[in-house]
Amino acid sequence: MNNVITLPNVIPQRVFGDIDPRIDFDVRFEPTKAPSKKYAINDTTGEYLDTVGMSFKCASHPNYFRGVQGCMIEEMPGHDLEDITCKYRTARNNAWAMMDCTLPNAKVTVRTPVHESEISQRIIALHGIDGSCSNQVFFGGIDFFCTNGQISGDWDIVRRKNTSGFVLERFIDELRVAKVAFYKHGERMQEWADTLTQTFEVKEMLTSLLASERKAEKMLNLYHAEVAVRGANKYALYSAFTNYATYADERNGFELRNTGNDTASVSMWKREHEVSKWISSPQFLQLAA
């Protein structure tokens, strides 16, 4: 049973390096007793990944990520791709994968009276071969001062489902928009850096925005730590948010609970998506307006 999609491959290994060996395998499908279902199988190890619908189709991880990289080579300036780095995260027995690429030459600078940060563009691609997620590409930035990862609002999210109608070249249009959107987001971050904040209003905003008083208290502590570096401004609060989405240990007090499942990478990605919603919220937008 072959329902594997083959996508265009520009062989971008010389630019992006090797695919993570954890996800360098083909996927095959085998029938189940239920006529509407089939098994997704790691074709290298024979390991069962999940049961999916009969109409489900997908590319392998390497084919999908090489396709995204090929589109980047085709559409983005060569200078932007120089020294690019790609890191991979996996979950669910490597059935879920995330490629996180940083472009150090595509960057903006955010300045406060006491600090300066260089933000480089990120391109993040998600892929699931077990039906756990649709194909998604996100555009954002990374702060090289603290290595906090950043994604912004809903405007820089692209989704294509794992179906037979999926055509990777459609991402090219979004890549064209992404560069403009990245520099637009840089202007927005500078506006935040120029917007002074006071502790009482940040505390009130966090209490309104976040799900629990305990979480709001921890985030206020992170904000104070950022203020010590960046000054008391809206960008310091944004940096506190991105710290939460980047680390999960004693550095920020937002440790992940050990559930015994292979889901840490998914949980951290959900935090990034959570932050993107926070900065688009009325509470954040109206802070010190």
C-alpha atoms as a PDB file:
ATOM      1  CA  MET A   1       0.000   0.000   0.000  1.00  0.00           C
ATOM      2  CA  ASN A   2       1.841   3.103  -1.255  1.00  0.00           C
ATOM      3  CA  ASN A   3       0.358   6.429  -0.213  1.00  0.00           C
ATOM      4  CA  VAL A   4       3.660   8.293   0.083  1.00  0.00           C
ATOM      5  CA  ILE A   5       3.844  11.651  -1.671  1.00  0.00           C
ATOM      6  CA  THR A   6       7.051  12.453  -3.522  1.00  0.00           C
ATOM      7  CA  LEU A   7       7.863  16.159  -3.500  1.00  0.00           C
ATOM      8  CA  PRO A   8      10.342  18.105  -5.630  1.00  0.00           C
ATOM      9  CA  ASN A   9      13.879  17.898  -4.248  1.00  0.00           C
ATOM     10  CA  VAL A  10      16.504  20.472  -5.191  1.00  0.00           C
ATOM     11  CA  ILE A  11      19.235  18.539  -3.298  1.00  0.00           C
ATOM     12  CA  PRO A  12      20.033  21.403  -0.895  1.00  0.00           C
ATOM     13  CA  GLN A  13      22.425  19.387   1.297  1.00  0.00           C
ATOM     14  CA  ARG A  14      25.384  21.622   0.465  1.00  0.00           C
ATOM     15  CA  VAL A  15      23.547  24.594   2.009  1.00  0.00           C
ATOM     16  CA  PHE A  16      21.600  23.025   4.877  1.00  0.00           C
ATOM     17  CA  GLY A  17      23.747  20.034   5.871  1.00  0.00           C
ATOM     18  CA  ASP A  18      22.529  16.536   6.650  1.00  0.00           C
ATOM     19  CA  ILE A  19      19.030  15.574   7.729  1.00  0.00           C
ATOM     20  CA  ASP A  20      18.876  14.443  11.357  1.00  0.00           C
ATOM     21  CA  PRO A  21      19.438  10.643  11.324  1.00  0.00           C
ATOM     22  CA  ARG A  22      16.501  10.143  13.705  1.00  0.00           C
ATOM     23  CA  ILE A  23      14.081  11.145  10.940  1.00  0.00           C
ATOM     24  CA  ASP A  24      15.997   9.866   7.921  1.00  0.00           C
ATOM     25  CA  PHE A  25      13.640   7.029   7.032  1.00  0.00           C
ATOM     26  CA  ASP A  26      10.871   6.240   4.575  1.00  0.00           C
ATOM     27  CA  VAL A  27       7.308   5.563   5.663  1.00  0.00           C
ATOM     28  CA  ARG A  28       5.023   2.828   4.412  1.00  0.00           C
ATOM     29  CA  PHE A  29       1.400   1.990   5.065  1.00  0.00           C
ATOM     30  CA  GLU A  30      -0.149  -1.398   5.739  1.00  0.00           C
ATOM     31  CA  PRO A  31      -3.827  -2.349   5.888  1.00  0.00           C
ATOM     32  CA  THR A  32      -5.700  -2.981   9.121  1.00  0.00           C
ATOM     33  CA  LYS A  33      -8.786  -5.096   9.699  1.00  0.00           C
ATOM     34  CA  ALA A  34     -10.836  -1.906   9.556  1.00  0.00           C
ATOM     35  CA  PRO A  35     -11.378  -0.923   5.894  1.00  0.00           C
ATOM     36  CA  SER A  36     -11.233   2.803   6.710  1.00  0.00           C
ATOM     37  CA  LYS A  37      -7.877   2.623   8.529  1.00  0.00           C
ATOM     38  CA  LYS A  38      -4.252   1.736   7.839  1.00  0.00           C
ATOM     39  CA  TYR A  39      -1.004   1.477   9.804  1.00  0.00           C
ATOM     40  CA  ALA A  40       1.832   4.008   9.379  1.00  0.00           C
ATOM     41  CA  ILE A  41       5.146   2.123   9.614  1.00  0.00           C
ATOM     42  CA  ASN A  42       8.796   3.211   9.850  1.00  0.00           C
ATOM     43  CA  ASP A  43      10.095   1.452   6.745  1.00  0.00           C
ATOM     44  CA  THR A  44      13.648   1.257   8.101  1.00  0.00           C
ATOM     45  CA  THR A  45      12.946  -0.279  11.502  1.00  0.00           C
ATOM     46  CA  GLY A  46       9.499  -1.759  10.900  1.00  0.00           C
ATOM     47  CA  GLU A  47       8.268   0.158  13.950  1.00  0.00           C
ATOM     48  CA  TYR A  48       4.559   0.927  14.216  1.00  0.00           C
ATOM     49  CA  LEU A  49       3.948   4.689  14.348  1.00  0.00           C
ATOM     50  CA  ASP A  50       0.173   5.090  14.412  1.00  0.00           C
ATOM     51  CA  THR A  51      -3.127   4.194  12.799  1.00  0.00           C
ATOM     52  CA  VAL A  52      -4.349   6.740  10.255  1.00  0.00           C
ATOM     53  CA  GLY A  53      -7.308   7.171   7.932  1.00  0.00           C
ATOM     54  CA  MET A  54      -7.303   5.351   4.602  1.00  0.00           C
ATOM     55  CA  SER A  55      -7.146   8.645   2.662  1.00  0.00           C
ATOM     56  CA  PHE A  56      -4.111   9.921   4.598  1.00  0.00           C
ATOM     57  CA  LYS A  57      -1.049  10.547   2.425  1.00  0.00           C
ATOM     58  CA  CYS A  58       2.272  12.159   3.234  1.00  0.00           C
ATOM     59  CA  ALA A  59       5.880  12.640   2.226  1.00  0.00           C
ATOM     60  CA  SER A  60       8.701  11.163   4.259  1.00  0.00           C
ATOM     61  CA  HIS A  61      10.399  13.551   6.690  1.00  0.00           C
ATOM     62  CA  PRO A  62      13.571  13.930   4.545  1.00  0.00           C
ATOM     63  CA  ASN A  63      11.584  14.469   1.350  1.00  0.00           C
ATOM     64  CA  TYR A  64       9.373  17.092   2.997  1.00  0.00           C
ATOM     65  CA  PHE A  65      12.173  19.056   4.693  1.00  0.00           C
ATOM     66  CA  ARG A  66      14.424  18.901   1.605  1.00  0.00           C
ATOM     67  CA  GLY A  67      11.470  20.221  -0.372  1.00  0.00           C
ATOM     68  CA  VAL A  68      11.048  23.177   2.013  1.00  0.00           C
ATOM     69  CA  GLN A  69      14.797  23.819   1.820  1.00  0.00           C
ATOM     70  CA  GLY A  70      14.670  23.616  -1.968  1.00  0.00           C
ATOM     71  CA  CYS A  71      11.974  26.293  -2.055  1.00  0.00           C
ATOM     72  CA  MET A  72      14.142  28.480   0.171  1.00  0.00           C
ATOM     73  CA  ILE A  73      17.095  28.089  -2.201  1.00  0.00           C
ATOM     74  CA  GLU A  74      14.885  28.846  -5.187  1.00  0.00           C
ATOM     75  CA  GLU A  75      13.303  31.965  -3.746  1.00  0.00           C
ATOM     76  CA  MET A  76      15.573  33.542  -1.118  1.00  0.00           C
ATOM     77  CA  PRO A  77      18.704  35.631  -1.793  1.00  0.00           C
ATOM     78  CA  GLY A  78      21.930  33.636  -1.562  1.00  0.00           C
ATOM     79  CA  HIS A  79      23.333  36.062   1.011  1.00  0.00           C
ATOM     80  CA  ASP A  80      20.444  35.351   3.368  1.00  0.00           C
ATOM     81  CA  LEU A  81      21.162  31.605   3.218  1.00  0.00           C
ATOM     82  CA  GLU A  82      24.886  31.874   3.970  1.00  0.00           C
ATOM     83  CA  ASP A  83      25.781  30.284   7.330  1.00  0.00           C
ATOM     84  CA  ILE A  84      22.208  29.074   7.822  1.00  0.00           C
ATOM     85  CA  THR A  85      21.781  26.503  10.605  1.00  0.00           C
ATOM     86  CA  CYS A  86      18.967  23.972  10.939  1.00  0.00           C
ATOM     87  CA  LYS A  87      18.107  22.115  14.129  1.00  0.00           C
ATOM     88  CA  TYR A  88      15.610  19.288  14.421  1.00  0.00           C
ATOM     89  CA  ARG A  89      13.253  18.232  17.206  1.00  0.00           C
ATOM     90  CA  THR A  90      11.276  15.020  17.240  1.00  0.00           C
ATOM     91  CA  ALA A  91       8.479  13.382  19.205  1.00  0.00           C
ATOM     92  CA  ARG A  92       6.142  10.367  19.108  1.00  0.00           C
ATOM     93  CA  ASN A  93       8.826   7.866  18.103  1.00  0.00           C
ATOM     94  CA  ASN A  94      10.081  10.342  15.481  1.00  0.00           C
ATOM     95  CA  ALA A  95       6.704  10.422  13.717  1.00  0.00           C
ATOM     96  CA  TRP A  96       6.440  14.166  14.522  1.00  0.00           C
ATOM     97  CA  ALA A  97       9.362  16.370  13.464  1.00  0.00           C
ATOM     98  CA  MET A  98      10.247  20.051  13.468  1.00  0.00           C
ATOM     99  CA  MET A  99      12.983  21.769  11.461  1.00  0.00           C
ATOM    100  CA  ASP A 100      14.069  25.127  12.896  1.00  0.00           C
ATOM    101  CA  CYS A 101      16.327  27.147  10.568  1.00  0.00           C
ATOM    102  CA  THR A 102      18.098  30.364  11.596  1.00  0.00           C
ATOM    103  CA  LEU A 103      19.303  32.838   8.959  1.00  0.00           C
ATOM    104  CA  PRO A 104      22.012  34.931  10.673  1.00  0.00           C
ATOM    105  CA  ASN A 105      22.419  37.262   7.682  1.00  0.00           C
ATOM    106  CA  ALA A 106      18.737  38.251   7.564  1.00  0.00           C
ATOM    107  CA  LYS A 107      18.520  40.353  10.699  1.00  0.00           C
ATOM    108  CA  VAL A 108      17.183  43.457  12.375  1.00  0.00           C
ATOM    109  CA  THR A 109      18.459  45.380  15.395  1.00  0.00           C
ATOM    110  CA  VAL A 110      16.267  46.340  18.355  1.00  0.00           C
ATOM    111  CA  ARG A 111      17.648  49.094  20.588  1.00  0.00           C
ATOM    112  CA  THR A 112      16.698  50.403  24.000  1.00  0.00           C
ATOM    113  CA  PRO A 113      18.585  53.157  25.865  1.00  0.00           C
ATOM    114  CA  VAL A 114      20.511  50.458  27.764  1.00  0.00           C
ATOM    115  CA  HIS A 115      20.663  47.463  25.425  1.00  0.00           C
ATOM    116  CA  GLU A 116      20.877  46.332  21.810  1.00  0.00           C
ATOM    117  CA  SER A 117      19.701  42.989  20.357  1.00  0.00           C
ATOM    118  CA  GLU A 118      20.222  41.472  16.929  1.00  0.00           C
ATOM    119  CA  ILE A 119      17.232  39.428  15.762  1.00  0.00           C
ATOM    120  CA  SER A 120      17.728  36.962  12.914  1.00  0.00           C
ATOM    121  CA  GLN A 121      14.981  35.416  10.826  1.00  0.00           C
ATOM    122  CA  ARG A 122      13.705  31.905  11.594  1.00  0.00           C
ATOM    123  CA  ILE A 123      11.884  29.536   9.286  1.00  0.00           C
ATOM    124  CA  ILE A 124      10.243  26.624  11.077  1.00  0.00           C
ATOM    125  CA  ALA A 125       8.649  23.633   9.371  1.00  0.00           C
ATOM    126  CA  LEU A 126       6.509  20.974  11.074  1.00  0.00           C
ATOM    127  CA  HIS A 127       5.724  17.566   9.632  1.00  0.00           C
ATOM    128  CA  GLY A 128       3.801  14.541  10.864  1.00  0.00           C
ATOM    129  CA  ILE A 129       3.699  11.099   9.276  1.00  0.00           C
ATOM    130  CA  ASP A 130       1.227   9.716  11.800  1.00  0.00           C
ATOM    131  CA  GLY A 131      -1.613  12.174  11.230  1.00  0.00           C
ATOM    132  CA  SER A 132      -0.646  14.128  14.366  1.00  0.00           C
ATOM    133  CA  CYS A 133      -0.278  17.482  12.616  1.00  0.00           C
ATOM    134  CA  SER A 134      -0.725  19.152   9.278  1.00  0.00           C
ATOM    135  CA  ASN A 135       2.296  20.388   7.375  1.00  0.00           C
ATOM    136  CA  GLN A 136       3.034  23.854   8.687  1.00  0.00           C
ATOM    137  CA  VAL A 137       5.649  26.527   8.079  1.00  0.00           C
ATOM    138  CA  PHE A 138       6.122  29.418  10.508  1.00  0.00           C
ATOM    139  CA  PHE A 139       8.242  32.538  10.156  1.00  0.00           C
ATOM    140  CA  GLY A 140       9.771  34.378  13.084  1.00  0.00           C
ATOM    141  CA  GLY A 141      13.060  35.474  14.649  1.00  0.00           C
ATOM    142  CA  ILE A 142      15.733  34.547  17.167  1.00  0.00           C
ATOM    143  CA  ASP A 143      17.376  36.959  19.603  1.00  0.00           C
ATOM    144  CA  PHE A 144      21.113  36.220  19.514  1.00  0.00           C
ATOM    145  CA  PHE A 145      21.725  37.957  22.843  1.00  0.00           C
ATOM    146  CA  CYS A 146      19.743  35.371  24.798  1.00  0.00           C
ATOM    147  CA  THR A 147      18.966  32.814  22.020  1.00  0.00           C
ATOM    148  CA  ASN A 148      15.256  33.195  22.735  1.00  0.00           C
ATOM    149  CA  GLY A 149      13.199  31.946  19.824  1.00  0.00           C
ATOM    150  CA  GLN A 150      10.397  34.151  18.551  1.00  0.00           C
ATOM    151  CA  ILE A 151       7.359  33.664  16.412  1.00  0.00           C
ATOM    152  CA  SER A 152       4.880  36.435  15.990  1.00  0.00           C
ATOM    153  CA  GLY A 153       1.222  36.721  15.109  1.00  0.00           C
ATOM    154  CA  ASP A 154      -1.098  34.664  12.959  1.00  0.00           C
ATOM    155  CA  TRP A 155      -0.048  36.474   9.793  1.00  0.00           C
ATOM    156  CA  ASP A 156       3.174  34.466   9.571  1.00  0.00           C
ATOM    157  CA  ILE A 157       1.668  30.982   9.810  1.00  0.00           C
ATOM    158  CA  VAL A 158       1.208  28.826   6.721  1.00  0.00           C
ATOM    159  CA  ARG A 159      -0.662  25.514   6.787  1.00  0.00           C
ATOM    160  CA  ARG A 160      -1.016  22.721   4.255  1.00  0.00           C
ATOM    161  CA  LYS A 161      -2.617  19.445   5.261  1.00  0.00           C
ATOM    162  CA  ASN A 162      -1.084  16.034   4.622  1.00  0.00           C
ATOM    163  CA  THR A 163      -3.290  15.219   1.633  1.00  0.00           C
ATOM    164  CA  SER A 164      -2.823  14.260  -1.972  1.00  0.00           C
ATOM    165  CA  GLY A 165      -3.474  17.895  -2.915  1.00  0.00           C
ATOM    166  CA  PHE A 166      -0.401  19.130  -1.076  1.00  0.00           C
ATOM    167  CA  VAL A 167       2.032  20.929  -3.412  1.00  0.00           C
ATOM    168  CA  LEU A 168       5.174  22.234  -1.774  1.00  0.00           C
ATOM    169  CA  GLU A 169       5.865  24.935  -4.362  1.00  0.00           C
ATOM    170  CA  ARG A 170       2.883  26.861  -2.969  1.00  0.00           C
ATOM    171  CA  PHE A 171       5.144  27.850  -0.112  1.00  0.00           C
ATOM    172  CA  ILE A 172       7.159  30.015  -2.499  1.00  0.00           C
ATOM    173  CA  ASP A 173       4.562  32.781  -2.394  1.00  0.00           C
ATOM    174  CA  GLU A 174       4.659  32.738   1.410  1.00  0.00           C
ATOM    175  CA  LEU A 175       8.468  32.879   1.366  1.00  0.00           C
ATOM    176  CA  ARG A 176       8.236  36.060  -0.695  1.00  0.00           C
ATOM    177  CA  VAL A 177       5.906  37.587   1.870  1.00  0.00           C
ATOM    178  CA  ALA A 178       7.958  36.303   4.824  1.00  0.00           C
ATOM    179  CA  LYS A 179      10.951  38.570   4.266  1.00  0.00           C
ATOM    180  CA  VAL A 180       8.789  41.693   4.159  1.00  0.00           C
ATOM    181  CA  ALA A 181       6.841  40.486   7.202  1.00  0.00           C
ATOM    182  CA  PHE A 182      10.053  39.807   9.142  1.00  0.00           C
ATOM    183  CA  TYR A 183      11.298  43.375   8.718  1.00  0.00           C
ATOM    184  CA  LYS A 184       7.823  44.667   9.524  1.00  0.00           C
ATOM    185  CA  HIS A 185       7.951  42.664  12.752  1.00  0.00           C
ATOM    186  CA  GLY A 186      11.362  44.242  13.437  1.00  0.00           C
ATOM    187  CA  GLU A 187       9.742  47.670  13.265  1.00  0.00           C
ATOM    188  CA  ARG A 188       7.049  46.485  15.647  1.00  0.00           C
ATOM    189  CA  MET A 189       9.647  45.185  18.134  1.00  0.00           C
ATOM    190  CA  GLN A 190      11.423  48.546  18.036  1.00  0.00           C
ATOM    191  CA  GLU A 191       8.108  50.248  18.829  1.00  0.00           C
ATOM    192  CA  TRP A 192       7.812  47.947  21.862  1.00  0.00           C
ATOM    193  CA  ALA A 193      11.360  48.834  22.892  1.00  0.00           C
ATOM    194  CA  ASP A 194      10.395  52.529  22.752  1.00  0.00           C
ATOM    195  CA  THR A 195       7.254  51.949  24.858  1.00  0.00           C
ATOM    196  CA  LEU A 196       7.951  52.378  28.582  1.00  0.00           C
ATOM    197  CA  THR A 197       6.112  50.164  31.060  1.00  0.00           C
ATOM    198  CA  GLN A 198       5.491  50.158  34.795  1.00  0.00           C
ATOM    199  CA  THR A 199       5.368  47.116  37.062  1.00  0.00           C
ATOM    200  CA  PHE A 200       1.791  47.629  38.228  1.00  0.00           C
ATOM    201  CA  GLU A 201       0.358  47.769  34.691  1.00  0.00           C
ATOM    202  CA  VAL A 202       2.386  44.747  33.562  1.00  0.00           C
ATOM    203  CA  LYS A 203       1.164  42.817  36.611  1.00  0.00           C
ATOM    204  CA  GLU A 204      -2.453  43.724  35.864  1.00  0.00           C
ATOM    205  CA  MET A 205      -2.042  42.731  32.222  1.00  0.00           C
ATOM    206  CA  LEU A 206      -0.478  39.352  33.061  1.00  0.00           C
ATOM    207  CA  THR A 207      -3.198  38.580  35.591  1.00  0.00           C
ATOM    208  CA  SER A 208      -5.803  39.253  32.917  1.00  0.00           C
ATOM    209  CA  LEU A 209      -3.963  37.411  30.130  1.00  0.00           C
ATOM    210  CA  LEU A 210      -2.645  34.236  31.706  1.00  0.00           C
ATOM    211  CA  ALA A 211      -4.543  31.198  32.883  1.00  0.00           C
ATOM    212  CA  SER A 212      -3.424  31.191  36.520  1.00  0.00           C
ATOM    213  CA  GLU A 213      -2.196  33.560  39.185  1.00  0.00           C
ATOM    214  CA  ARG A 214       0.867  31.365  39.729  1.00  0.00           C
ATOM    215  CA  LYS A 215       1.801  31.545  36.046  1.00  0.00           C
ATOM    216  CA  ALA A 216       1.316  35.312  36.038  1.00  0.00           C
ATOM    217  CA  GLU A 217       3.595  35.627  39.074  1.00  0.00           C
ATOM    218  CA  LYS A 218       6.350  33.582  37.416  1.00  0.00           C
ATOM    219  CA  MET A 219       6.057  35.621  34.244  1.00  0.00           C
ATOM    220  CA  LEU A 220       6.303  38.858  36.207  1.00  0.00           C
ATOM    221  CA  ASN A 221       9.564  37.567  37.702  1.00  0.00           C
ATOM    222  CA  LEU A 222      10.853  36.854  34.197  1.00  0.00           C
ATOM    223  CA  TYR A 223       9.833  40.352  33.142  1.00  0.00           C
ATOM    224  CA  HIS A 224      11.825  41.854  36.039  1.00  0.00           C
ATOM    225  CA  ALA A 225      14.876  39.833  34.959  1.00  0.00           C
ATOM    226  CA  GLU A 226      14.527  41.178  31.410  1.00  0.00           C
ATOM    227  CA  VAL A 227      14.044  44.749  32.697  1.00  0.00           C
ATOM    228  CA  ALA A 228      17.415  44.469  34.458  1.00  0.00           C
ATOM    229  CA  VAL A 229      18.993  43.973  31.019  1.00  0.00           C
ATOM    230  CA  ARG A 230      16.761  45.816  28.556  1.00  0.00           C
ATOM    231  CA  GLY A 231      15.101  48.471  30.691  1.00  0.00           C
ATOM    232  CA  ALA A 232      11.430  48.818  31.650  1.00  0.00           C
ATOM    233  CA  ASN A 233       9.692  48.610  28.281  1.00  0.00           C
ATOM    234  CA  LYS A 234       7.252  46.477  26.339  1.00  0.00           C
ATOM    235  CA  TYR A 235      10.065  44.634  24.547  1.00  0.00           C
ATOM    236  CA  ALA A 236      11.321  43.381  27.912  1.00  0.00           C
ATOM    237  CA  LEU A 237       7.930  41.761  28.464  1.00  0.00           C
ATOM    238  CA  TYR A 238       8.043  40.231  24.988  1.00  0.00           C
ATOM    239  CA  SER A 239      11.494  38.838  25.805  1.00  0.00           C
ATOM    240  CA  ALA A 240      10.087  37.317  28.993  1.00  0.00           C
ATOM    241  CA  PHE A 241       7.443  35.591  26.880  1.00  0.00           C
ATOM    242  CA  THR A 242      10.027  34.214  24.448  1.00  0.00           C
ATOM    243  CA  ASN A 243      12.191  33.029  27.354  1.00  0.00           C
ATOM    244  CA  TYR A 244       9.215  30.970  28.546  1.00  0.00           C
ATOM    245  CA  ALA A 245       8.898  29.447  25.066  1.00  0.00           C
ATOM    246  CA  THR A 246      12.620  28.660  24.776  1.00  0.00           C
ATOM    247  CA  TYR A 247      13.580  27.200  28.163  1.00  0.00           C
ATOM    248  CA  ALA A 248      11.870  24.816  30.558  1.00  0.00           C
ATOM    249  CA  ASP A 249      14.119  24.521  33.600  1.00  0.00           C
ATOM    250  CA  GLU A 250      15.341  26.323  36.690  1.00  0.00           C
ATOM    251  CA  ARG A 251      16.441  29.299  34.566  1.00  0.00           C
ATOM    252  CA  ASN A 252      12.883  30.562  34.341  1.00  0.00           C
ATOM    253  CA  GLY A 253      10.881  28.392  36.743  1.00  0.00           C
ATOM    254  CA  PHE A 254       8.678  26.950  33.999  1.00  0.00           C
ATOM    255  CA  GLU A 255       9.865  23.348  34.093  1.00  0.00           C
ATOM    256  CA  LEU A 256       8.031  20.726  32.053  1.00  0.00           C
ATOM    257  CA  ARG A 257       6.321  17.957  33.961  1.00  0.00           C
ATOM    258  CA  ASN A 258       7.740  14.516  33.212  1.00  0.00           C
ATOM    259  CA  THR A 259       4.765  12.610  31.849  1.00  0.00           C
ATOM    260  CA  GLY A 260       6.802   9.635  30.714  1.00  0.00           C
ATOM    261  CA  ASN A 261       5.778  10.301  27.111  1.00  0.00           C
ATOM    262  CA  ASP A 262       7.904  11.404  24.181  1.00  0.00           C
ATOM    263  CA  THR A 263       6.262  14.832  23.974  1.00  0.00           C
ATOM    264  CA  ALA A 264       8.750  17.432  25.296  1.00  0.00           C
ATOM    265  CA  SER A 265       9.444  18.878  21.833  1.00  0.00           C
ATOM    266  CA  VAL A 266       5.730  19.162  21.110  1.00  0.00           C
ATOM    267  CA  SER A 267       5.152  20.862  24.476  1.00  0.00           C
ATOM    268  CA  MET A 268       7.857  23.456  23.804  1.00  0.00           C
ATOM    269  CA  TRP A 269       6.448  24.135  20.349  1.00  0.00           C
ATOM    270  CA  LYS A 270       3.016  24.670  21.885  1.00  0.00           C
ATOM    271  CA  ARG A 271       4.607  27.293  24.134  1.00  0.00           C
ATOM    272  CA  GLU A 272       5.879  29.191  21.088  1.00  0.00           C
ATOM    273  CA  HIS A 273       2.416  29.121  19.583  1.00  0.00           C
ATOM    274  CA  GLU A 274       1.007  30.264  22.939  1.00  0.00           C
ATOM    275  CA  VAL A 275       3.335  33.283  22.910  1.00  0.00           C
ATOM    276  CA  SER A 276       2.263  34.181  19.372  1.00  0.00           C
ATOM    277  CA  LYS A 277      -1.309  34.406  20.659  1.00  0.00           C
ATOM    278  CA  TRP A 278      -0.288  36.464  23.695  1.00  0.00           C
ATOM    279  CA  ILE A 279       1.382  39.180  21.623  1.00  0.00           C
ATOM    280  CA  SER A 280      -1.689  39.384  19.409  1.00  0.00           C
ATOM    281  CA  SER A 281      -4.017  39.687  22.404  1.00  0.00           C
ATOM    282  CA  PRO A 282      -5.881  42.907  23.273  1.00  0.00           C
ATOM    283  CA  GLN A 283      -4.165  42.914  26.693  1.00  0.00           C
ATOM    284  CA  PHE A 284      -0.671  43.046  25.184  1.00  0.00           C
ATOM    285  CA  LEU A 285      -1.572  45.401  22.350  1.00  0.00           C
ATOM    286  CA  GLN A 286      -3.190  47.876  24.750  1.00  0.00           C
ATOM    287  CA  LEU A 287      -0.375  47.777  27.314  1.00  0.00           C
ATOM    288  CA  ALA A 288       1.030  51.298  27.739  1.00  0.00           C
ATOM    289  CA  ALA A 289      -0.820  52.347  24.578  1.00  0.00           C
END
